[in-house]
Amino acid sequence: MFQRLMLLVLSAGLLASAQMRMTVEQLKEFIRSSVALHQDDRKLAEYLKKVKLSNQLDAATVEDLQGLGAGPRTVAALNALRGSTASLPAAAPPPPKPVYVPPPSPDSEQQAQVLADAKEYAKNYSARMPDYICTQVTRRFYDPSGMEFWRSADVITERLSYFEGHEDYKVVLVNNQPKEISHEKLGGATSSGEFVSMMREIFAPDTEAQFDWERWGTLRGRRMHVFSYRVSQSRSKYSIYSGTANQRIIAGYRGLIYIDKETGPIMKITLQAEDLPAGFPIREVNLSLDYDHVSISDHDFILPLKTVLTSREGAKQLTKNEAEFRMYRKFSAESKITAVDVQTPDALPSDTTKEQPATPAEKKPNPQK
């Protein structure tokens, strides 16, 4: 609203002026704002007859303004201006956007050290985790077309408690309605525990994962080392269960690891299943795990933020689970989350877990409250 009022004041001021000198860039901005405010085409054309430009207006600019919605009388006035400015110097091109040049890739020794530190971090990750309680919200989707035209299946709100290395789930709401049902009996696609188990397995010595430097990345405003990795089926422990076939298989997998450049923790893991048997009903599985800084009792921890699990059964049937972890607090024996005091929070903005365009700026951790 404020921007609209400012544009209105600008347009009114310009229209009231007896004569206005402006550059082509100022003219373009004036026409854009006038179109946005639905200024009368006839009045705008009359005003343009009083404008004096300081540089040349070309045909391409007139066409661009016509494409933005300038009316026929306005376009005619612009073409008249174009003719009257033919002898003036051409408008200066807009300054080029600054190009971000990333730092050089780490050499082989630096890469080895980053991976060694990440391996140690993964080994001790569960020991660093506090006892906590949080709200887990799982939004489940399906698409029978196989084209990722997602339809909502349900929204499940659960109390997740983590105490002495063990997770406990308690369903509180289903589609915002109180419901007493165990996590195991929800039906459909469910998942749990990947944030600890996947990190540990990828870096376990007997997994023999193959790592390669991929690139620099930016995630939630912080610069990341991004490594690709691959785990062969013969070394994998990643199991996939098909209820349709009542069959469980072990799949190989590959993906990316995002490691914070400044502080070292693993902040994101992606996974794509490989080597699925030809007769197995599930043909694709993709998983992403995001971690973030969380403040609990004035201490900063790296804890689950969001997981997304998608799978394809047969040629078309797609399912997707998006689970978010919110409202962390310290666990105690008296901690409770009930349907009375829980509301399902809105979903996180979609760009929260997306890799961002690289910039030279690096941000400090911003722990969740």
Protein backbone atom coordinates (compact mmCIF):
# COMPACT_ATOMS: atom_id res chain seq x y z
CA MET A 1 0.00 0.00 0.00
CA PHE A 2 2.82 2.42 0.88
CA GLN A 3 4.53 1.75 -2.46
CA ARG A 4 1.25 2.31 -4.30
CA LEU A 5 0.72 5.65 -2.53
CA MET A 6 4.27 6.74 -3.37
CA LEU A 7 3.71 5.89 -7.05
CA LEU A 8 0.42 7.80 -6.98
CA VAL A 9 2.12 10.89 -5.51
CA LEU A 10 4.90 10.63 -8.08
CA SER A 11 2.45 10.34 -10.98
CA ALA A 12 0.27 13.19 -9.70
CA GLY A 13 3.29 15.43 -9.28
CA LEU A 14 4.52 14.72 -12.77
CA LEU A 15 1.14 15.31 -14.33
CA ALA A 16 0.82 18.66 -12.53
CA SER A 17 4.15 19.94 -13.80
CA ALA A 18 4.10 22.28 -16.79
CA GLN A 19 7.18 20.70 -18.30
CA MET A 20 9.38 17.82 -17.22
CA ARG A 21 12.89 16.92 -18.27
CA MET A 22 13.80 13.30 -17.67
CA THR A 23 16.07 10.54 -18.81
CA VAL A 24 14.80 7.49 -20.69
CA GLU A 25 15.18 5.42 -17.49
CA GLN A 26 13.01 7.92 -15.59
CA LEU A 27 10.47 7.87 -18.41
CA LYS A 28 10.33 4.06 -18.31
CA GLU A 29 9.74 4.08 -14.55
CA PHE A 30 7.06 6.76 -14.92
CA ILE A 31 5.21 4.74 -17.58
CA ARG A 32 5.47 1.55 -15.52
CA SER A 33 4.02 3.26 -12.43
CA SER A 34 1.28 4.96 -14.48
CA VAL A 35 0.23 1.63 -16.02
CA ALA A 36 0.24 0.01 -12.57
CA LEU A 37 -2.00 2.78 -11.26
CA HIS A 38 -4.32 2.55 -14.32
CA GLN A 39 -3.76 6.18 -15.30
CA ASP A 40 -6.05 7.39 -18.09
CA ASP A 41 -4.46 6.70 -21.49
CA ARG A 42 -5.59 10.03 -22.97
CA LYS A 43 -4.30 12.14 -20.05
CA LEU A 44 -1.01 10.27 -20.00
CA ALA A 45 -0.53 10.86 -23.73
CA GLU A 46 -1.28 14.57 -23.29
CA TYR A 47 1.29 14.83 -20.55
CA LEU A 48 3.97 13.08 -22.63
CA LYS A 49 3.69 15.90 -25.16
CA LYS A 50 5.25 18.18 -22.50
CA VAL A 51 8.14 15.84 -21.68
CA LYS A 52 11.67 16.68 -22.80
CA LEU A 53 14.09 13.76 -22.84
CA SER A 54 17.82 14.13 -22.27
CA ASN A 55 18.76 11.08 -24.33
CA GLN A 56 17.49 8.98 -27.21
CA LEU A 57 14.33 6.88 -26.94
CA ASP A 58 14.58 3.80 -29.18
CA ALA A 59 11.93 1.60 -30.77
CA ALA A 60 12.76 -1.41 -28.58
CA THR A 61 12.00 0.58 -25.42
CA VAL A 62 8.66 1.74 -26.84
CA GLU A 63 7.78 -1.88 -27.66
CA ASP A 64 8.73 -2.95 -24.14
CA LEU A 65 6.47 -0.28 -22.62
CA GLN A 66 3.64 -1.27 -24.94
CA GLY A 67 4.08 -4.86 -23.77
CA LEU A 68 3.77 -3.67 -20.17
CA GLY A 69 0.32 -2.27 -20.93
CA ALA A 70 0.79 1.26 -22.27
CA GLY A 71 -2.38 2.32 -24.15
CA PRO A 72 -2.55 3.21 -27.86
CA ARG A 73 -2.52 7.01 -27.27
CA THR A 74 0.45 6.65 -24.91
CA VAL A 75 2.31 4.51 -27.46
CA ALA A 76 1.62 7.11 -30.16
CA ALA A 77 3.02 9.84 -27.87
CA LEU A 78 6.07 7.70 -27.14
CA ASN A 79 6.71 7.21 -30.84
CA ALA A 80 6.51 10.97 -31.31
CA LEU A 81 9.09 11.36 -28.54
CA ARG A 82 11.23 8.74 -30.26
CA GLY A 83 11.26 10.81 -33.44
CA SER A 84 12.10 14.04 -31.62
CA THR A 85 15.06 12.45 -29.79
CA ALA A 86 16.68 10.76 -32.80
CA SER A 87 19.61 13.18 -32.76
CA LEU A 88 20.26 12.87 -29.03
CA PRO A 89 22.89 10.54 -27.56
CA ALA A 90 21.76 6.98 -26.92
CA ALA A 91 20.71 6.07 -23.41
CA ALA A 92 23.48 4.51 -21.37
CA PRO A 93 23.03 0.75 -20.88
CA PRO A 94 22.12 -0.31 -17.34
CA PRO A 95 25.16 -1.14 -15.21
CA PRO A 96 25.98 -4.86 -15.24
CA LYS A 97 24.95 -6.89 -12.24
CA PRO A 98 27.87 -7.70 -9.96
CA VAL A 99 29.26 -11.13 -10.65
CA TYR A 100 30.02 -13.26 -7.63
CA VAL A 101 33.32 -15.07 -7.98
CA PRO A 102 33.40 -18.00 -5.54
CA PRO A 103 36.55 -18.79 -3.61
CA PRO A 104 38.81 -21.43 -5.15
CA SER A 105 37.91 -25.04 -4.48
CA PRO A 106 39.79 -26.56 -1.54
CA ASP A 107 42.76 -28.68 -2.52
CA SER A 108 42.85 -32.44 -1.93
CA GLU A 109 44.38 -32.10 1.54
CA GLN A 110 41.78 -29.54 2.61
CA GLN A 111 38.97 -31.71 1.25
CA ALA A 112 40.31 -34.69 3.15
CA GLN A 113 40.40 -32.67 6.37
CA VAL A 114 36.82 -31.41 5.89
CA LEU A 115 35.61 -34.98 5.36
CA ALA A 116 37.61 -36.26 8.35
CA ASP A 117 36.03 -33.60 10.57
CA ALA A 118 32.57 -34.42 9.16
CA LYS A 119 33.15 -38.12 9.87
CA GLU A 120 34.02 -37.33 13.48
CA TYR A 121 30.98 -35.05 13.73
CA ALA A 122 28.67 -37.77 12.38
CA LYS A 123 30.15 -40.36 14.74
CA ASN A 124 29.39 -38.17 17.77
CA TYR A 125 26.20 -36.51 16.55
CA SER A 126 23.76 -38.47 18.70
CA ALA A 127 25.93 -37.91 21.79
CA ARG A 128 25.69 -34.14 21.24
CA MET A 129 21.91 -34.16 20.99
CA PRO A 130 20.05 -32.89 24.04
CA ASP A 131 16.96 -34.51 25.51
CA TYR A 132 14.17 -32.55 23.89
CA ILE A 133 10.52 -32.48 23.00
CA CYS A 134 9.14 -30.90 19.82
CA THR A 135 6.17 -30.87 17.49
CA GLN A 136 6.54 -32.87 14.29
CA VAL A 137 4.14 -31.94 11.49
CA THR A 138 3.97 -34.36 8.57
CA ARG A 139 2.13 -33.30 5.43
CA ARG A 140 1.46 -36.26 3.15
CA PHE A 141 0.69 -35.97 -0.57
CA TYR A 142 -0.02 -38.27 -3.47
CA ASP A 143 -0.23 -38.05 -7.26
CA PRO A 144 -1.69 -40.90 -9.34
CA SER A 145 -0.65 -39.20 -12.60
CA GLY A 146 3.07 -39.39 -11.90
CA MET A 147 3.52 -35.78 -13.06
CA GLU A 148 4.01 -34.23 -9.57
CA PHE A 149 0.54 -32.68 -9.51
CA TRP A 150 0.37 -33.15 -5.76
CA ARG A 151 -2.88 -33.67 -3.86
CA SER A 152 -3.01 -33.40 -0.09
CA ALA A 153 -3.67 -36.69 1.69
CA ASP A 154 -3.52 -35.59 5.34
CA VAL A 155 -1.63 -33.54 7.92
CA ILE A 156 -0.39 -35.35 11.01
CA THR A 157 0.75 -33.45 14.11
CA GLU A 158 2.75 -35.46 16.61
CA ARG A 159 4.65 -34.98 19.82
CA LEU A 160 8.21 -36.17 19.31
CA SER A 161 10.32 -36.67 22.41
CA TYR A 162 13.99 -37.61 22.39
CA PHE A 163 15.32 -38.93 25.68
CA GLU A 164 18.60 -40.76 26.31
CA GLY A 165 18.98 -41.63 22.64
CA HIS A 166 15.45 -42.94 22.11
CA GLU A 167 12.65 -41.38 20.07
CA ASP A 168 8.99 -41.56 21.07
CA TYR A 169 6.12 -40.45 18.84
CA LYS A 170 2.61 -39.60 19.98
CA VAL A 171 -0.05 -38.62 17.45
CA VAL A 172 -1.93 -35.54 18.68
CA LEU A 173 -3.89 -34.28 15.65
CA VAL A 174 -4.87 -35.60 12.23
CA ASN A 175 -6.08 -32.85 9.91
CA ASN A 176 -6.27 -30.58 12.97
CA GLN A 177 -8.69 -32.95 14.71
CA PRO A 178 -7.73 -34.75 17.96
CA LYS A 179 -7.05 -38.42 17.33
CA GLU A 180 -5.61 -41.19 19.47
CA ILE A 181 -3.61 -43.53 17.24
CA SER A 182 -0.06 -44.83 17.39
CA HIS A 183 2.58 -43.66 14.94
CA GLU A 184 2.97 -47.23 13.69
CA LYS A 185 -0.74 -47.50 12.79
CA LEU A 186 -1.02 -44.35 10.73
CA GLY A 187 -0.87 -46.31 7.48
CA GLY A 188 0.50 -44.98 4.23
CA ALA A 189 4.11 -43.86 3.93
CA THR A 190 5.77 -43.02 7.26
CA SER A 191 9.37 -42.55 8.34
CA SER A 192 11.37 -41.83 11.48
CA GLY A 193 14.92 -41.70 12.79
CA GLU A 194 16.72 -40.88 9.53
CA PHE A 195 18.47 -37.77 10.85
CA VAL A 196 20.73 -39.83 13.09
CA SER A 197 20.89 -43.14 11.23
CA MET A 198 21.61 -41.79 7.72
CA MET A 199 24.38 -39.48 8.87
CA ARG A 200 25.99 -42.26 10.87
CA GLU A 201 25.73 -44.84 8.09
CA ILE A 202 27.11 -42.62 5.31
CA PHE A 203 30.28 -41.91 7.31
CA ALA A 204 30.65 -45.36 8.91
CA PRO A 205 33.97 -47.00 7.95
CA ASP A 206 32.36 -50.26 6.81
CA THR A 207 30.04 -48.36 4.43
CA GLU A 208 33.07 -47.31 2.35
CA ALA A 209 31.20 -44.36 0.84
CA GLN A 210 32.96 -42.68 -2.06
CA PHE A 211 33.16 -38.88 -1.66
CA ASP A 212 33.98 -36.24 -4.29
CA TRP A 213 34.16 -32.48 -4.08
CA GLU A 214 31.13 -31.01 -5.86
CA ARG A 215 31.07 -27.21 -5.36
CA TRP A 216 30.57 -24.35 -2.94
CA GLY A 217 26.94 -23.89 -1.90
CA THR A 218 24.82 -21.47 0.12
CA LEU A 219 22.16 -22.75 2.49
CA ARG A 220 20.10 -20.52 4.77
CA GLY A 221 22.58 -17.71 4.17
CA ARG A 222 25.71 -19.70 5.09
CA ARG A 223 28.47 -20.97 2.82
CA MET A 224 28.73 -24.75 2.54
CA HIS A 225 31.21 -27.32 1.37
CA VAL A 226 29.14 -29.55 -0.93
CA PHE A 227 30.38 -33.10 -1.51
CA SER A 228 28.76 -35.81 -3.59
CA TYR A 229 28.84 -39.36 -2.26
CA ARG A 230 27.86 -42.87 -3.31
CA VAL A 231 27.23 -46.04 -1.31
CA SER A 232 27.16 -49.32 -3.23
CA GLN A 233 24.34 -51.78 -2.67
CA SER A 234 26.77 -54.35 -1.30
CA ARG A 235 27.78 -51.96 1.51
CA SER A 236 24.40 -50.37 2.14
CA LYS A 237 22.03 -50.83 5.06
CA TYR A 238 19.32 -48.62 3.55
CA SER A 239 16.15 -50.69 3.42
CA ILE A 240 12.96 -49.98 1.45
CA TYR A 241 9.72 -51.79 2.23
CA SER A 242 6.86 -52.33 -0.22
CA GLY A 243 3.53 -53.04 1.45
CA THR A 244 2.08 -53.98 -1.95
CA ALA A 245 4.54 -56.85 -2.36
CA ASN A 246 5.19 -57.37 1.36
CA GLN A 247 8.86 -57.25 0.44
CA ARG A 248 11.90 -55.44 1.84
CA ILE A 249 15.08 -54.81 -0.13
CA ILE A 250 18.45 -53.16 0.50
CA ALA A 251 19.28 -50.40 -1.99
CA GLY A 252 22.45 -48.59 -2.89
CA TYR A 253 22.23 -44.81 -2.92
CA ARG A 254 23.96 -41.56 -3.77
CA GLY A 255 23.47 -37.89 -2.95
CA LEU A 256 25.00 -34.69 -1.58
CA ILE A 257 26.37 -33.64 1.81
CA TYR A 258 26.35 -29.95 2.84
CA ILE A 259 28.95 -29.05 5.50
CA ASP A 260 29.10 -25.59 7.07
CA LYS A 261 32.37 -23.97 5.97
CA GLU A 262 32.90 -21.93 9.14
CA THR A 263 31.64 -24.15 11.95
CA GLY A 264 31.81 -27.67 10.48
CA PRO A 265 28.41 -29.31 11.20
CA ILE A 266 26.54 -31.26 8.54
CA MET A 267 23.52 -29.15 7.58
CA LYS A 268 21.87 -31.13 4.77
CA ILE A 269 21.91 -34.63 3.29
CA THR A 270 20.19 -35.71 0.08
CA LEU A 271 19.73 -39.32 -1.02
CA GLN A 272 18.59 -41.05 -4.19
CA ALA A 273 18.13 -44.82 -4.12
CA GLU A 274 19.94 -46.92 -6.75
CA ASP A 275 20.07 -50.55 -7.88
CA LEU A 276 16.40 -51.30 -7.16
CA PRO A 277 15.55 -54.87 -8.29
CA ALA A 278 13.64 -55.04 -11.58
CA GLY A 279 10.61 -56.75 -10.07
CA PHE A 280 10.35 -54.52 -6.98
CA PRO A 281 7.18 -52.34 -7.10
CA ILE A 282 8.88 -49.19 -5.81
CA ARG A 283 10.91 -47.69 -8.64
CA GLU A 284 12.20 -44.41 -7.13
CA VAL A 285 13.01 -43.14 -3.65
CA ASN A 286 14.41 -39.68 -2.89
CA LEU A 287 15.13 -38.26 0.54
CA SER A 288 16.38 -34.91 1.82
CA LEU A 289 17.28 -34.11 5.42
CA ASP A 290 17.80 -30.55 6.63
CA TYR A 291 19.31 -29.58 9.98
CA ASP A 292 19.38 -26.15 11.56
CA HIS A 293 20.52 -24.22 14.63
CA VAL A 294 18.03 -24.56 17.50
CA SER A 295 18.20 -22.82 20.88
CA ILE A 296 17.13 -24.94 23.88
CA SER A 297 17.64 -23.55 27.38
CA ASP A 298 19.99 -20.89 25.96
CA HIS A 299 22.24 -23.49 24.33
CA ASP A 300 22.71 -23.85 20.56
CA PHE A 301 22.24 -27.28 18.97
CA ILE A 302 22.09 -28.61 15.40
CA LEU A 303 18.78 -30.48 15.21
CA PRO A 304 16.31 -31.69 12.56
CA LEU A 305 14.50 -28.98 10.61
CA LYS A 306 12.72 -30.75 7.76
CA THR A 307 12.70 -34.02 5.86
CA VAL A 308 11.14 -34.71 2.47
CA LEU A 309 10.64 -38.31 1.28
CA THR A 310 9.24 -39.02 -2.20
CA SER A 311 8.70 -42.39 -3.83
CA ARG A 312 7.25 -43.77 -7.05
CA GLU A 313 5.45 -47.10 -7.17
CA GLY A 314 5.07 -48.61 -10.61
CA ALA A 315 5.16 -46.23 -13.55
CA LYS A 316 3.06 -43.43 -12.06
CA GLN A 317 1.90 -43.56 -8.42
CA LEU A 318 3.82 -40.91 -6.46
CA THR A 319 3.77 -40.22 -2.72
CA LYS A 320 5.50 -37.46 -0.76
CA ASN A 321 5.99 -36.85 2.95
CA GLU A 322 7.15 -33.45 4.19
CA ALA A 323 7.92 -33.51 7.92
CA GLU A 324 8.88 -30.37 9.85
CA PHE A 325 10.23 -30.18 13.39
CA ARG A 326 9.02 -27.15 15.31
CA MET A 327 8.67 -25.67 18.82
CA TYR A 328 11.67 -27.34 20.44
CA ARG A 329 11.96 -27.30 24.22
CA LYS A 330 13.89 -29.14 26.89
CA PHE A 331 12.53 -32.60 27.72
CA SER A 332 11.34 -33.40 31.19
CA ALA A 333 9.26 -36.25 32.57
CA GLU A 334 6.35 -33.80 32.97
CA SER A 335 6.56 -32.49 29.39
CA LYS A 336 3.31 -32.99 27.53
CA ILE A 337 1.79 -31.90 24.27
CA THR A 338 -1.93 -32.49 23.98
CA ALA A 339 -4.58 -31.68 21.39
CA VAL A 340 -5.83 -28.89 23.65
CA ASP A 341 -2.63 -26.83 23.53
CA VAL A 342 -1.37 -27.71 20.04
CA GLN A 343 -2.15 -26.00 16.76
CA THR A 344 -0.59 -27.18 13.53
CA PRO A 345 1.84 -24.43 12.47
CA ASP A 346 1.92 -23.15 8.91
CA ALA A 347 4.40 -24.83 6.61
CA LEU A 348 7.90 -23.37 6.42
CA PRO A 349 8.53 -21.14 3.38
CA SER A 350 9.55 -23.30 0.43
CA ASP A 351 12.92 -21.55 0.03
CA THR A 352 13.99 -22.38 3.62
CA THR A 353 15.55 -25.67 2.53
CA LYS A 354 16.54 -24.72 -1.02
CA GLU A 355 20.12 -24.00 -1.99
CA GLN A 356 20.44 -20.26 -2.59
CA PRO A 357 22.34 -18.33 -5.24
CA ALA A 358 25.92 -17.86 -4.13
CA THR A 359 26.77 -14.47 -2.60
CA PRO A 360 29.88 -13.19 -0.84
CA ALA A 361 27.86 -12.54 2.34
CA GLU A 362 27.99 -15.09 5.12
CA LYS A 363 25.59 -15.04 8.03
CA LYS A 364 25.93 -16.10 11.61
CA PRO A 365 23.70 -18.84 13.02
CA ASN A 366 20.17 -17.73 13.84
CA PRO A 367 18.91 -20.33 16.35
CA GLN A 368 15.21 -21.15 16.29
CA LYS A 369 13.26 -20.15 19.35
